[in-house]
């Protein structure tokens, strides 16, 4: 049976904002840790785009809807909740009131499911403090529909306000600006929020837990559990410098507040660009600020993704490719152009490894995949990030370099901000911007079809400055040669090798080794003896080292790899480790046993994707 697109504008959403669109949401919800639910109502301000339309179509997943009303008249409204689709949830159709009002308000009373794919409920034992429960959300890509009935498509944007009731001894934060102090209500407190800037549904976010904050800049605080606050404040102290550099690249920051929230280890991503409150993984806290480029990435999303948004997830590269490109512009502003180029080289290595793993002919490795019938979670990879940024760097060189492309980038953001766009909107604007320049003819010769629709590696890469990569490649070559010669003694490598390299260069050295044939167990043992990599704290280095060990089928590494992959829920780390364990027959049972123990402690998206990698979820 051939899959069908759920709506004309978005293959993954039932909603029809082209007919009737939601413009604002008022959330009034009560947090119950006992029931593991949010319950209350949402008031949807809607607008008829088609004046003949009489039905509001929303997305829903596992929500219990108890009543739908005209907010002004309190008239009960007829609604139908279609049968469930395991992938996309249910279509909720609400019959609009029969009145001349083209902008009615609709109140939907509902309760979330304890198994909501957007919400992670943690018991006190799963937190650092061990005393209080914890709740956090992750709505990207299409999980907001399990938190609130909504038009869960990035093609539509809304403003929102919220009134959240939660236990009195816990703090509530959202992807919005806090309004005043919480108000005590019996043994609970009511927290109010306001988001005046238009956002797509996937940027709705909530967290409830034992949280404290510390100011780290004129518009920034970092939030975390109390025991982690000192480390977090140190690690992210350069946030304002990154914000200022981003404004230099993209234009004014319009969101007012830029706070960071360090979540428990089960958070499935490195960061999530929720407006006013970026969520980050504790795995970024290396103690030496060596992994804070992730913050530059999330800051960049304040423009590319949050202001200018992909209209659906087939155009996800417009969010992530642009954001990686801008992130590296920020790195270049702060540390110099060679560091920007070196980051791009690392991204190219990562992309090559990803495409080798997925398969060079896999249609999901194209920049614009067809997601008809496909959950966007199943298409998630580094491809839109790194292939997208490679394309933009190629275009930058084509039109004459940063001096020409940087003004275009600002103009592009200013032109499309607060809107959702498709790839063709970008292409047409690019051609229009350069139409009277020497670049116009070059742009007409770009092989757009191959760049956007062909799977595998990009057709070409820019000429990156590899000065910082040279020592990484040289050390990689030394170890490869020593391995290939049968590990002869004496050995020329020594502990001094890594002392001259930055953490990013050590990552690249190990990543280069991963692109080659598996090393011998003897080589792995010697590398551990000389460098002591088993004890490294930097998660990016540890990931690459453990993968080298697993590919070498070094049995002593199995418990170390399992411990690393189960100690947190970040998919960037869990998925490759579990895949490598599964692909090695002697380690497969350890992988399946470990997954079975940890899956219920992870957020849905991590448990789901790793389960598919291990072939326990079809």
Protein backbone atom coordinates (compact mmCIF):
# COMPACT_ATOMS: atom_id res chain seq x y z
CA UNK A 1 0.00 0.00 0.00
CA UNK A 2 1.45 3.34 -1.08
CA UNK A 3 1.84 5.91 1.69
CA UNK A 4 0.02 9.21 1.32
CA UNK A 5 0.98 12.71 2.36
CA UNK A 6 -1.17 13.77 5.32
CA UNK A 7 -1.82 17.25 3.91
CA UNK A 8 -0.81 19.28 0.85
CA UNK A 9 1.71 21.38 2.78
CA UNK A 10 3.25 18.81 5.13
CA UNK A 11 3.53 15.04 4.69
CA UNK A 12 3.68 14.59 8.47
CA UNK A 13 0.77 16.77 9.64
CA UNK A 14 -2.99 16.41 9.30
CA UNK A 15 -3.49 20.14 9.92
CA UNK A 16 -4.57 22.62 7.25
CA UNK A 17 -3.35 26.10 8.21
CA UNK A 18 -3.95 27.02 4.57
CA UNK A 19 -7.70 26.73 5.38
CA UNK A 20 -7.97 27.75 9.04
CA UNK A 21 -4.85 28.65 10.99
CA UNK A 22 -4.07 28.97 14.68
CA UNK A 23 -2.44 32.32 15.49
CA UNK A 24 -2.10 32.19 19.29
CA UNK A 25 -2.29 29.62 22.11
CA UNK A 26 -3.26 30.21 25.75
CA UNK A 27 -2.22 27.19 27.80
CA UNK A 28 -3.65 26.53 31.27
CA UNK A 29 -2.20 23.28 32.59
CA UNK A 30 -1.67 21.42 35.85
CA UNK A 31 1.43 19.23 36.28
CA UNK A 32 0.81 15.88 38.02
CA UNK A 33 3.92 13.84 38.77
CA UNK A 34 1.78 11.12 40.34
CA UNK A 35 -0.30 10.61 37.19
CA UNK A 36 2.51 11.67 34.84
CA UNK A 37 0.12 13.95 32.99
CA UNK A 38 -0.55 17.54 32.09
CA UNK A 39 -4.23 18.40 32.29
CA UNK A 40 -6.26 21.52 31.64
CA UNK A 41 -7.13 23.36 28.49
CA UNK A 42 -5.76 25.39 25.62
CA UNK A 43 -7.52 28.36 24.05
CA UNK A 44 -6.70 28.56 20.35
CA UNK A 45 -7.10 31.87 18.56
CA UNK A 46 -7.87 30.94 14.97
CA UNK A 47 -8.25 32.76 11.70
CA UNK A 48 -10.11 31.62 8.62
CA UNK A 49 -7.76 31.79 5.63
CA UNK A 50 -10.51 30.36 3.47
CA UNK A 51 -13.70 32.19 4.47
CA UNK A 52 -15.76 29.18 3.37
CA UNK A 53 -13.93 26.80 5.72
CA UNK A 54 -15.94 25.53 8.70
CA UNK A 55 -13.56 22.96 10.22
CA UNK A 56 -10.35 23.47 12.21
CA UNK A 57 -8.00 20.51 11.73
CA UNK A 58 -5.43 19.80 14.43
CA UNK A 59 -2.85 17.12 15.17
CA UNK A 60 -3.17 15.01 18.31
CA UNK A 61 -1.37 11.97 19.71
CA UNK A 62 -2.63 9.98 22.69
CA UNK A 63 -4.51 12.99 24.10
CA UNK A 64 -7.78 12.52 25.98
CA UNK A 65 -10.08 15.31 24.81
CA UNK A 66 -13.01 15.87 27.17
CA UNK A 67 -14.66 19.00 25.77
CA UNK A 68 -14.41 21.57 22.98
CA UNK A 69 -16.08 24.98 23.31
CA UNK A 70 -16.44 28.35 21.70
CA UNK A 71 -14.38 30.30 24.24
CA UNK A 72 -16.55 33.43 24.07
CA UNK A 73 -20.04 31.89 24.11
CA UNK A 74 -19.15 28.64 25.98
CA UNK A 75 -21.15 26.78 23.30
CA UNK A 76 -20.07 23.15 22.99
CA UNK A 77 -18.62 22.38 19.59
CA UNK A 78 -18.80 19.16 17.64
CA UNK A 79 -15.49 17.40 17.11
CA UNK A 80 -14.15 14.10 15.79
CA UNK A 81 -10.92 12.40 16.81
CA UNK A 82 -9.92 9.99 14.06
CA UNK A 83 -8.45 6.55 14.70
CA UNK A 84 -4.84 6.45 15.76
CA UNK A 85 -1.86 6.25 13.42
CA UNK A 86 1.08 4.84 15.34
CA UNK A 87 3.43 7.12 13.42
CA UNK A 88 1.56 10.40 13.18
CA UNK A 89 -1.12 10.28 15.87
CA UNK A 90 -4.70 11.31 15.20
CA UNK A 91 -6.54 13.97 13.21
CA UNK A 92 -8.72 16.18 15.42
CA UNK A 93 -11.47 17.95 13.46
CA UNK A 94 -13.36 20.72 15.24
CA UNK A 95 -16.50 22.19 13.67
CA UNK A 96 -16.29 25.95 13.98
CA UNK A 97 -19.20 27.94 15.42
CA UNK A 98 -21.78 29.05 12.89
CA UNK A 99 -21.20 32.79 13.10
CA UNK A 100 -19.81 35.64 11.00
CA UNK A 101 -16.74 35.76 13.25
CA UNK A 102 -13.69 34.91 11.11
CA UNK A 103 -11.37 34.90 14.14
CA UNK A 104 -13.05 32.74 16.80
CA UNK A 105 -11.38 31.35 19.91
CA UNK A 106 -11.68 27.63 20.54
CA UNK A 107 -11.16 26.07 23.97
CA UNK A 108 -10.02 22.43 24.05
CA UNK A 109 -10.04 20.62 27.40
CA UNK A 110 -7.68 17.65 27.47
CA UNK A 111 -5.19 15.47 29.36
CA UNK A 112 -1.89 14.13 28.07
CA UNK A 113 -0.96 10.46 28.25
CA UNK A 114 1.66 9.18 30.71
CA UNK A 115 3.33 7.83 27.56
CA UNK A 116 3.37 11.19 25.77
CA UNK A 117 6.27 11.11 23.33
CA UNK A 118 6.96 14.80 24.04
CA UNK A 119 7.42 14.43 27.79
CA UNK A 120 10.06 12.75 29.93
CA UNK A 121 9.04 12.10 33.54
CA UNK A 122 11.97 11.32 35.83
CA UNK A 123 11.73 9.92 39.33
CA UNK A 124 14.00 11.50 41.98
CA UNK A 125 16.56 8.67 41.63
CA UNK A 126 17.12 9.67 37.98
CA UNK A 127 18.15 13.21 38.93
CA UNK A 128 21.43 14.51 40.29
CA UNK A 129 19.90 15.67 43.57
CA UNK A 130 17.91 12.43 44.16
CA UNK A 131 15.21 14.36 46.09
CA UNK A 132 12.68 15.69 43.57
CA UNK A 133 11.03 14.43 40.38
CA UNK A 134 11.77 16.12 37.08
CA UNK A 135 9.87 16.80 33.86
CA UNK A 136 11.13 18.07 30.53
CA UNK A 137 9.78 18.16 26.98
CA UNK A 138 11.18 17.61 23.51
CA UNK A 139 8.71 18.52 20.77
CA UNK A 140 10.88 18.41 17.67
CA UNK A 141 10.11 17.03 15.20
CA UNK A 142 6.41 16.11 15.50
CA UNK A 143 5.89 15.45 19.22
CA UNK A 144 4.10 18.67 20.20
CA UNK A 145 0.86 16.95 19.20
CA UNK A 146 1.29 14.69 22.24
CA UNK A 147 1.61 17.73 24.55
CA UNK A 148 -1.19 19.90 23.18
CA UNK A 149 -3.72 19.63 20.31
CA UNK A 150 -2.16 21.91 17.71
CA UNK A 151 -1.25 22.46 14.10
CA UNK A 152 1.94 20.46 14.48
CA UNK A 153 3.62 21.65 11.31
CA UNK A 154 6.47 24.17 11.08
CA UNK A 155 4.59 25.84 8.22
CA UNK A 156 2.43 27.62 10.82
CA UNK A 157 3.69 29.88 13.62
CA UNK A 158 1.97 31.12 16.75
CA UNK A 159 2.57 33.27 19.79
CA UNK A 160 1.65 31.81 23.17
CA UNK A 161 0.94 32.47 26.82
CA UNK A 162 0.88 29.87 29.56
CA UNK A 163 -0.27 29.43 33.14
CA UNK A 164 1.30 26.34 34.67
CA UNK A 165 0.42 24.93 38.10
CA UNK A 166 3.12 22.72 39.65
CA UNK A 167 4.37 21.55 43.08
CA UNK A 168 5.39 24.56 45.19
CA UNK A 169 8.99 23.41 45.76
CA UNK A 170 9.79 23.05 42.05
CA UNK A 171 10.70 25.60 39.39
CA UNK A 172 8.84 25.81 36.06
CA UNK A 173 10.50 27.18 32.92
CA UNK A 174 9.27 27.42 29.33
CA UNK A 175 10.44 28.58 25.90
CA UNK A 176 9.09 32.00 26.79
CA UNK A 177 9.64 34.94 29.12
CA UNK A 178 8.61 34.52 32.75
CA UNK A 179 5.89 36.89 33.91
CA UNK A 180 6.34 38.01 37.51
CA UNK A 181 6.89 35.71 40.50
CA UNK A 182 5.00 32.40 40.95
CA UNK A 183 1.79 32.70 42.97
CA UNK A 184 1.13 30.19 45.77
CA UNK A 185 -2.03 28.14 45.39
CA UNK A 186 -2.48 25.64 48.26
CA UNK A 187 0.48 23.26 48.04
CA UNK A 188 1.28 24.37 44.50
CA UNK A 189 2.42 27.48 42.67
CA UNK A 190 1.15 29.04 39.46
CA UNK A 191 3.80 30.17 36.95
CA UNK A 192 3.02 32.53 34.05
CA UNK A 193 4.83 32.87 30.71
CA UNK A 194 4.60 34.96 27.56
CA UNK A 195 6.12 34.35 24.12
CA UNK A 196 5.39 37.37 21.89
CA UNK A 197 7.46 36.16 18.92
CA UNK A 198 5.91 33.78 16.41
CA UNK A 199 7.21 30.21 16.76
CA UNK A 200 6.46 26.82 15.15
CA UNK A 201 4.91 24.18 17.39
CA UNK A 202 8.12 22.19 17.81
CA UNK A 203 9.62 25.07 19.80
CA UNK A 204 7.05 24.83 22.59
CA UNK A 205 8.96 23.62 25.66
CA UNK A 206 8.44 23.08 29.37
CA UNK A 207 10.61 21.92 32.25
CA UNK A 208 9.70 21.36 35.91
CA UNK A 209 12.30 20.46 38.52
CA UNK A 210 14.64 21.44 41.34
CA UNK A 211 16.44 24.20 39.46
CA UNK A 212 18.58 27.18 40.34
CA UNK A 213 20.13 29.84 38.14
CA UNK A 214 23.19 32.04 37.89
CA UNK A 215 23.69 35.06 35.68
CA UNK A 216 26.40 34.54 33.05
CA UNK A 217 25.80 37.61 30.92
CA UNK A 218 23.66 40.75 30.54
CA UNK A 219 20.83 38.74 28.92
CA UNK A 220 21.66 35.22 30.04
CA UNK A 221 21.32 32.91 33.03
CA UNK A 222 22.28 29.27 33.22
CA UNK A 223 19.83 26.94 34.97
CA UNK A 224 20.60 23.49 36.36
CA UNK A 225 20.15 21.26 39.35
CA UNK A 226 21.95 22.96 42.29
CA UNK A 227 24.86 20.49 42.46
CA UNK A 228 25.82 21.20 38.83
CA UNK A 229 25.44 24.98 38.83
CA UNK A 230 29.08 25.95 39.50
CA UNK A 231 30.38 23.73 36.70
CA UNK A 232 27.69 24.89 34.30
CA UNK A 233 28.34 28.57 35.01
CA UNK A 234 32.05 28.08 34.31
CA UNK A 235 31.53 26.01 31.17
CA UNK A 236 29.13 28.47 29.54
CA UNK A 237 30.69 31.75 30.69
CA UNK A 238 31.47 32.77 27.09
CA UNK A 239 27.81 32.80 26.02
CA UNK A 240 27.57 36.59 25.62
CA UNK A 241 30.65 36.66 23.36
CA UNK A 242 29.01 34.00 21.19
CA UNK A 243 25.74 35.95 21.12
CA UNK A 244 27.51 39.15 20.08
CA UNK A 245 29.40 37.32 17.33
CA UNK A 246 26.11 35.83 16.11
CA UNK A 247 24.53 39.28 15.93
CA UNK A 248 27.49 40.42 13.85
CA UNK A 249 26.74 37.61 11.40
CA UNK A 250 22.93 37.56 11.42
CA UNK A 251 21.54 40.86 12.74
CA UNK A 252 19.77 41.87 15.98
CA UNK A 253 18.73 39.24 18.53
CA UNK A 254 14.94 39.63 18.86
CA UNK A 255 14.11 37.18 21.67
CA UNK A 256 15.15 39.38 24.62
CA UNK A 257 16.41 36.65 26.94
CA UNK A 258 18.94 33.92 26.10
CA UNK A 259 19.06 31.42 28.97
CA UNK A 260 20.61 27.96 29.09
CA UNK A 261 19.17 24.95 30.89
CA UNK A 262 21.34 21.91 31.66
CA UNK A 263 19.06 18.89 31.69
CA UNK A 264 19.54 15.42 33.19
CA UNK A 265 21.58 12.94 31.11
CA UNK A 266 18.53 11.37 29.41
CA UNK A 267 18.06 14.45 27.21
CA UNK A 268 18.43 13.00 23.68
CA UNK A 269 20.24 15.84 21.92
CA UNK A 270 23.33 17.98 22.37
CA UNK A 271 21.10 21.01 22.53
CA UNK A 272 17.62 22.17 21.60
CA UNK A 273 17.07 25.72 20.45
CA UNK A 274 13.93 26.46 22.44
CA UNK A 275 13.44 30.25 22.32
CA UNK A 276 14.64 32.14 25.40
CA UNK A 277 15.72 28.83 26.98
CA UNK A 278 18.17 26.58 25.13
CA UNK A 279 18.15 23.03 26.48
CA UNK A 280 21.60 21.40 26.66
CA UNK A 281 22.98 18.02 27.64
CA UNK A 282 25.28 17.70 30.66
CA UNK A 283 27.72 15.85 28.37
CA UNK A 284 28.87 19.30 27.18
CA UNK A 285 30.42 19.96 30.58
CA UNK A 286 33.98 18.79 29.93
CA UNK A 287 35.58 21.16 32.43
CA UNK A 288 37.65 22.97 29.79
CA UNK A 289 34.97 24.60 27.57
CA UNK A 290 36.11 22.37 24.70
CA UNK A 291 32.56 21.43 23.65
CA UNK A 292 30.84 24.82 23.82
CA UNK A 293 30.59 25.11 20.03
CA UNK A 294 27.23 23.39 20.58
CA UNK A 295 26.12 26.61 22.28
CA UNK A 296 27.19 28.58 19.22
CA UNK A 297 25.01 26.22 17.18
CA UNK A 298 21.97 26.73 19.39
CA UNK A 299 22.52 30.50 19.45
CA UNK A 300 22.65 30.50 15.63
CA UNK A 301 19.22 28.84 15.60
CA UNK A 302 17.84 32.06 17.07
CA UNK A 303 17.93 33.27 13.46
CA UNK A 304 18.17 30.19 11.24
CA UNK A 305 15.38 27.87 12.30
CA UNK A 306 13.59 29.95 14.91
CA UNK A 307 13.13 33.13 12.84
CA UNK A 308 13.46 31.63 9.34
CA UNK A 309 11.92 28.17 9.55
CA UNK A 310 11.64 25.17 7.23
CA UNK A 311 8.01 24.78 6.11
CA UNK A 312 8.18 21.02 6.71
CA UNK A 313 10.90 18.55 7.62
CA UNK A 314 11.69 17.66 4.01
CA UNK A 315 13.38 21.08 4.00
CA UNK A 316 15.13 20.51 7.35
CA UNK A 317 18.47 21.49 5.83
CA UNK A 318 17.20 25.10 5.74
CA UNK A 319 17.21 24.94 9.55
CA UNK A 320 20.28 22.83 10.23
CA UNK A 321 22.56 23.44 7.24
CA UNK A 322 22.25 27.20 7.72
CA UNK A 323 22.74 26.86 11.46
CA UNK A 324 25.96 24.84 11.14
CA UNK A 325 27.16 27.38 8.57
CA UNK A 326 26.41 30.28 10.94
CA UNK A 327 27.82 28.38 13.94
CA UNK A 328 31.15 28.13 12.12
CA UNK A 329 30.98 31.80 11.20
CA UNK A 330 30.70 32.50 14.94
CA UNK A 331 33.70 30.26 15.63
CA UNK A 332 35.65 32.13 12.96
CA UNK A 333 34.75 35.50 14.47
CA UNK A 334 35.86 34.40 17.94
CA UNK A 335 38.90 32.23 17.22
CA UNK A 336 40.02 32.98 13.66
CA UNK A 337 39.21 31.64 10.20
CA UNK A 338 41.46 28.55 10.46
CA UNK A 339 39.23 27.28 13.28
CA UNK A 340 36.14 27.78 11.12
CA UNK A 341 37.77 25.73 8.37
CA UNK A 342 38.95 23.07 10.79
CA UNK A 343 35.41 22.65 12.14
CA UNK A 344 34.20 22.17 8.57
CA UNK A 345 36.85 19.49 7.99
CA UNK A 346 35.65 17.69 11.11
CA UNK A 347 32.09 17.92 9.83
CA UNK A 348 33.13 16.45 6.49
CA UNK A 349 34.73 13.48 8.30
CA UNK A 350 31.58 12.99 10.40
CA UNK A 351 29.38 13.17 7.29
CA UNK A 352 31.49 10.55 5.50
CA UNK A 353 31.16 8.19 8.46
CA UNK A 354 27.38 8.76 8.63
CA UNK A 355 26.83 8.12 4.93
CA UNK A 356 28.96 4.99 5.07
CA UNK A 357 26.78 3.77 7.94
CA UNK A 358 23.46 4.68 6.27
CA UNK A 359 24.50 3.61 2.77
CA UNK A 360 25.51 5.95 -0.04
CA UNK A 361 22.36 5.11 -2.03
CA UNK A 362 20.00 5.59 0.91
CA UNK A 363 17.41 8.21 -0.18
CA UNK A 364 17.48 9.68 3.33
CA UNK A 365 21.04 10.88 2.64
CA UNK A 366 19.72 13.37 0.07
CA UNK A 367 19.44 16.98 1.18
CA UNK A 368 15.69 17.02 0.49
CA UNK A 369 14.33 13.54 1.29
CA UNK A 370 10.76 12.51 0.52
CA UNK A 371 9.14 12.00 3.94
CA UNK A 372 5.79 10.72 2.69
CA UNK A 373 4.79 8.10 5.26
CA UNK A 374 8.10 8.50 7.11
CA UNK A 375 8.45 9.73 10.69
CA UNK A 376 11.00 12.59 10.64
CA UNK A 377 12.70 10.86 13.60
CA UNK A 378 13.58 8.03 11.20
CA UNK A 379 15.33 10.46 8.87
CA UNK A 380 17.34 12.23 11.57
CA UNK A 381 21.09 12.22 10.88
CA UNK A 382 23.99 14.60 10.33
CA UNK A 383 23.16 14.83 6.60
CA UNK A 384 21.01 18.02 6.65
CA UNK A 385 23.56 19.59 9.01
CA UNK A 386 26.83 18.84 7.25
CA UNK A 387 25.70 18.37 3.66
CA UNK A 388 23.67 21.55 4.04
CA UNK A 389 26.59 23.60 5.35
CA UNK A 390 28.87 22.17 2.63
CA UNK A 391 26.36 23.41 0.05
CA UNK A 392 26.25 26.90 1.56
CA UNK A 393 30.06 27.09 1.75
CA UNK A 394 30.20 26.03 -1.91
CA UNK A 395 27.75 28.81 -2.79
CA UNK A 396 29.74 31.30 -0.72
CA UNK A 397 32.89 30.53 -2.71
CA UNK A 398 30.92 30.59 -5.97
CA UNK A 399 29.60 34.13 -5.48
CA UNK A 400 32.97 35.53 -4.43
CA UNK A 401 33.61 34.59 -0.79
CA UNK A 402 32.44 35.86 2.60
CA UNK A 403 32.66 39.49 1.54
CA UNK A 404 29.84 38.86 -0.91
CA UNK A 405 27.93 36.15 0.91
CA UNK A 406 27.81 37.64 4.43
CA UNK A 407 25.62 40.62 3.36
CA UNK A 408 23.37 38.18 1.48
CA UNK A 409 22.99 36.07 4.63
CA UNK A 410 21.80 39.07 6.65
CA UNK A 411 19.46 40.10 3.86
CA UNK A 412 18.04 36.57 3.57
CA UNK A 413 17.28 36.46 7.31
CA UNK A 414 15.75 39.94 7.34
CA UNK A 415 13.57 39.10 4.34
CA UNK A 416 12.21 35.77 5.61
CA UNK A 417 12.18 36.29 9.40
CA UNK A 418 8.97 35.26 11.19
CA UNK A 419 8.10 33.10 8.17
CA UNK A 420 8.30 29.45 7.14
CA UNK A 421 9.83 28.74 3.75
CA UNK A 422 10.71 25.99 1.28
CA UNK A 423 14.00 25.39 -0.47
CA UNK A 424 12.79 27.05 -3.66
CA UNK A 425 12.15 30.28 -1.72
CA UNK A 426 15.83 30.31 -0.76
CA UNK A 427 17.02 29.53 -4.30
CA UNK A 428 14.87 32.23 -5.89
CA UNK A 429 15.94 34.83 -3.32
CA UNK A 430 19.61 33.92 -3.82
CA UNK A 431 19.29 34.37 -7.59
CA UNK A 432 17.35 37.61 -7.17
CA UNK A 433 19.95 39.04 -4.76
CA UNK A 434 22.86 38.37 -7.12
CA UNK A 435 20.97 38.99 -10.38
CA UNK A 436 22.98 42.06 -11.39
CA UNK A 437 26.40 40.73 -10.37
CA UNK A 438 29.07 38.54 -11.89
CA UNK A 439 27.76 35.66 -9.75
CA UNK A 440 24.43 35.50 -11.60
CA UNK A 441 25.76 33.40 -14.48
CA UNK A 442 27.58 31.06 -12.10
CA UNK A 443 24.41 30.44 -10.11
CA UNK A 444 22.56 29.44 -13.27
CA UNK A 445 25.09 26.65 -13.74
CA UNK A 446 24.70 25.16 -10.25
CA UNK A 447 23.54 21.53 -10.39
CA UNK A 448 20.62 22.09 -8.03
CA UNK A 449 19.09 18.70 -8.79
CA UNK A 450 22.19 16.79 -7.68
CA UNK A 451 22.76 18.90 -4.59
CA UNK A 452 19.17 18.59 -3.39
CA UNK A 453 18.01 15.18 -4.56
CA UNK A 454 20.98 12.85 -5.04
CA UNK A 455 21.91 10.60 -2.10
CA UNK A 456 25.43 10.15 -0.77
CA UNK A 457 28.26 12.65 -0.34
CA UNK A 458 28.02 16.14 -1.85
CA UNK A 459 29.19 16.52 -5.46
CA UNK A 460 31.99 18.83 -4.31
CA UNK A 461 33.48 20.50 -1.25
CA UNK A 462 35.04 23.91 -0.78
CA UNK A 463 38.79 24.15 -0.44
CA UNK A 464 39.14 24.23 3.34
CA UNK A 465 42.28 25.51 5.05
CA UNK A 466 43.67 22.29 6.55
CA UNK A 467 46.51 23.79 8.59
CA UNK A 468 44.96 22.65 11.89
CA UNK A 469 44.11 19.24 10.46
CA UNK A 470 47.65 18.44 9.25
CA UNK A 471 48.99 17.18 12.62
CA UNK A 472 45.82 15.08 13.06
CA UNK A 473 46.33 13.40 9.71
CA UNK A 474 50.03 12.91 10.39
CA UNK A 475 49.42 11.16 13.71
CA UNK A 476 46.67 9.08 12.12
CA UNK A 477 49.11 8.00 9.42
CA UNK A 478 51.76 7.02 11.98
CA UNK A 479 49.34 4.73 13.79
CA UNK A 480 47.91 3.30 10.57
CA UNK A 481 51.37 2.49 9.27
CA UNK A 482 52.45 0.94 12.59
CA UNK A 483 49.28 -1.16 12.64
CA UNK A 484 49.71 -2.30 9.04
CA UNK A 485 53.34 -3.32 9.66
CA UNK A 486 52.30 -5.67 12.45
CA UNK A 487 53.00 -3.37 15.43
CA UNK A 488 56.82 -3.55 15.49
CA UNK A 489 58.86 -2.37 18.48
CA UNK A 490 60.27 0.08 19.35
CA UNK A 491 57.40 2.52 18.73
CA UNK A 492 57.94 6.20 17.94
CA UNK A 493 54.61 7.44 19.33
CA UNK A 494 54.60 8.83 22.89
CA UNK A 495 52.33 10.63 25.39
CA UNK A 496 53.71 13.92 24.05
CA UNK A 497 51.75 13.41 20.83
CA UNK A 498 48.43 14.51 22.31
CA UNK A 499 49.84 17.27 24.50
CA UNK A 500 50.41 19.43 21.43
CA UNK A 501 46.86 18.88 20.13
CA UNK A 502 43.64 20.61 21.17
CA UNK A 503 40.65 18.48 22.20
CA UNK A 504 39.12 19.15 18.77
CA UNK A 505 42.29 17.96 17.06
CA UNK A 506 42.31 14.77 19.15
CA UNK A 507 38.71 14.18 18.04
CA UNK A 508 39.74 14.60 14.41
CA UNK A 509 42.77 12.30 14.80
CA UNK A 510 40.52 9.52 16.12
CA UNK A 511 37.83 10.28 13.53
CA UNK A 512 40.40 9.88 10.75
CA UNK A 513 41.35 6.48 12.15
CA UNK A 514 37.67 5.50 12.12
CA UNK A 515 37.49 6.12 8.37
CA UNK A 516 40.20 3.51 7.77
CA UNK A 517 40.16 -0.27 8.21
CA UNK A 518 39.73 -1.62 11.77
CA UNK A 519 42.86 -1.51 13.90
CA UNK A 520 44.28 -4.60 15.57
CA UNK A 521 43.68 -5.33 19.26
CA UNK A 522 47.42 -4.93 19.79
CA UNK A 523 47.28 -1.41 18.38
CA UNK A 524 44.32 -0.54 20.62
CA UNK A 525 46.19 -1.83 23.68
CA UNK A 526 49.25 0.21 22.77
CA UNK A 527 47.20 3.39 22.23
CA UNK A 528 45.60 2.93 25.64
CA UNK A 529 49.01 2.28 27.22
CA UNK A 530 50.49 5.46 25.72
CA UNK A 531 47.52 7.87 25.79
CA UNK A 532 45.24 6.52 28.57
CA UNK A 533 42.14 7.21 26.47
CA UNK A 534 39.88 5.01 28.62
CA UNK A 535 39.95 7.71 31.27
CA UNK A 536 39.23 10.73 29.08
CA UNK A 537 36.29 12.94 30.19
CA UNK A 538 35.58 14.67 26.88
CA UNK A 539 32.53 12.81 25.51
CA UNK A 540 33.38 13.49 21.86
CA UNK A 541 36.85 11.98 22.28
CA UNK A 542 35.47 9.06 24.30
CA UNK A 543 32.88 8.28 21.61
CA UNK A 544 35.47 8.02 18.86
CA UNK A 545 37.90 6.04 21.03
CA UNK A 546 35.30 3.49 22.06
CA UNK A 547 34.16 3.07 18.48
CA UNK A 548 37.76 2.34 17.45
CA UNK A 549 37.92 -0.28 20.19
CA UNK A 550 34.67 -1.92 19.13
CA UNK A 551 35.64 -1.99 15.48
CA UNK A 552 38.89 -3.67 16.49
CA UNK A 553 36.74 -6.23 18.37
CA UNK A 554 38.67 -5.52 21.53
CA UNK A 555 36.63 -7.48 24.08
CA UNK A 556 37.80 -5.48 27.09
CA UNK A 557 36.05 -2.43 25.61
CA UNK A 558 32.54 -3.95 25.68
CA UNK A 559 31.69 -3.03 29.30
CA UNK A 560 33.23 0.45 28.84
CA UNK A 561 31.16 1.04 25.71
CA UNK A 562 27.96 -0.23 27.34
CA UNK A 563 28.55 1.98 30.39
CA UNK A 564 29.13 5.06 28.20
CA UNK A 565 26.11 4.41 25.98
CA UNK A 566 23.75 3.83 28.91
CA UNK A 567 25.02 6.57 31.23
CA UNK A 568 23.22 9.20 29.11
CA UNK A 569 20.55 9.35 26.43
CA UNK A 570 22.17 11.59 23.83
CA UNK A 571 21.48 9.95 20.47
CA UNK A 572 24.73 11.17 18.94
CA UNK A 573 26.54 8.88 21.39
CA UNK A 574 24.05 6.09 22.04
CA UNK A 575 23.19 5.19 18.48
CA UNK A 576 26.68 4.62 16.99
CA UNK A 577 27.87 2.72 20.07
CA UNK A 578 24.82 0.44 20.07
CA UNK A 579 25.10 -0.07 16.30
CA UNK A 580 28.76 -1.06 16.63
CA UNK A 581 27.95 -3.42 19.49
CA UNK A 582 25.13 -5.01 17.49
CA UNK A 583 27.30 -5.43 14.38
CA UNK A 584 29.86 -7.43 16.39
CA UNK A 585 28.33 -10.83 17.05
CA UNK A 586 30.23 -11.38 20.31
CA UNK A 587 28.90 -8.08 21.68
CA UNK A 588 25.33 -8.28 20.36
CA UNK A 589 23.82 -9.94 23.41
CA UNK A 590 25.43 -7.28 25.65
CA UNK A 591 23.86 -4.56 23.49
CA UNK A 592 20.38 -6.10 23.59
CA UNK A 593 20.56 -6.73 27.33
CA UNK A 594 21.78 -3.19 28.05
CA UNK A 595 19.07 -1.66 25.84
CA UNK A 596 16.36 -3.64 27.60
CA UNK A 597 17.52 -2.31 30.97
CA UNK A 598 17.87 1.34 29.97
CA UNK A 599 15.17 1.98 27.35
CA UNK A 600 12.51 3.05 29.87
CA UNK A 601 14.90 5.62 31.36
CA UNK A 602 15.46 7.29 27.99
CA UNK A 603 13.22 9.73 26.21
CA UNK A 604 10.96 8.24 23.57
CA UNK A 605 12.95 9.43 20.55
CA UNK A 606 16.18 7.82 21.80
CA UNK A 607 14.55 4.54 22.85
CA UNK A 608 12.71 4.42 19.52
CA UNK A 609 15.69 5.08 17.24
CA UNK A 610 18.13 2.83 19.13
CA UNK A 611 15.45 0.13 19.16
CA UNK A 612 15.24 0.38 15.39
CA UNK A 613 19.04 0.24 15.12
CA UNK A 614 18.97 -2.98 17.17
CA UNK A 615 16.08 -4.39 15.11
CA UNK A 616 13.85 -4.81 18.16
CA UNK A 617 11.48 -2.13 16.78
CA UNK A 618 10.37 -2.48 13.18
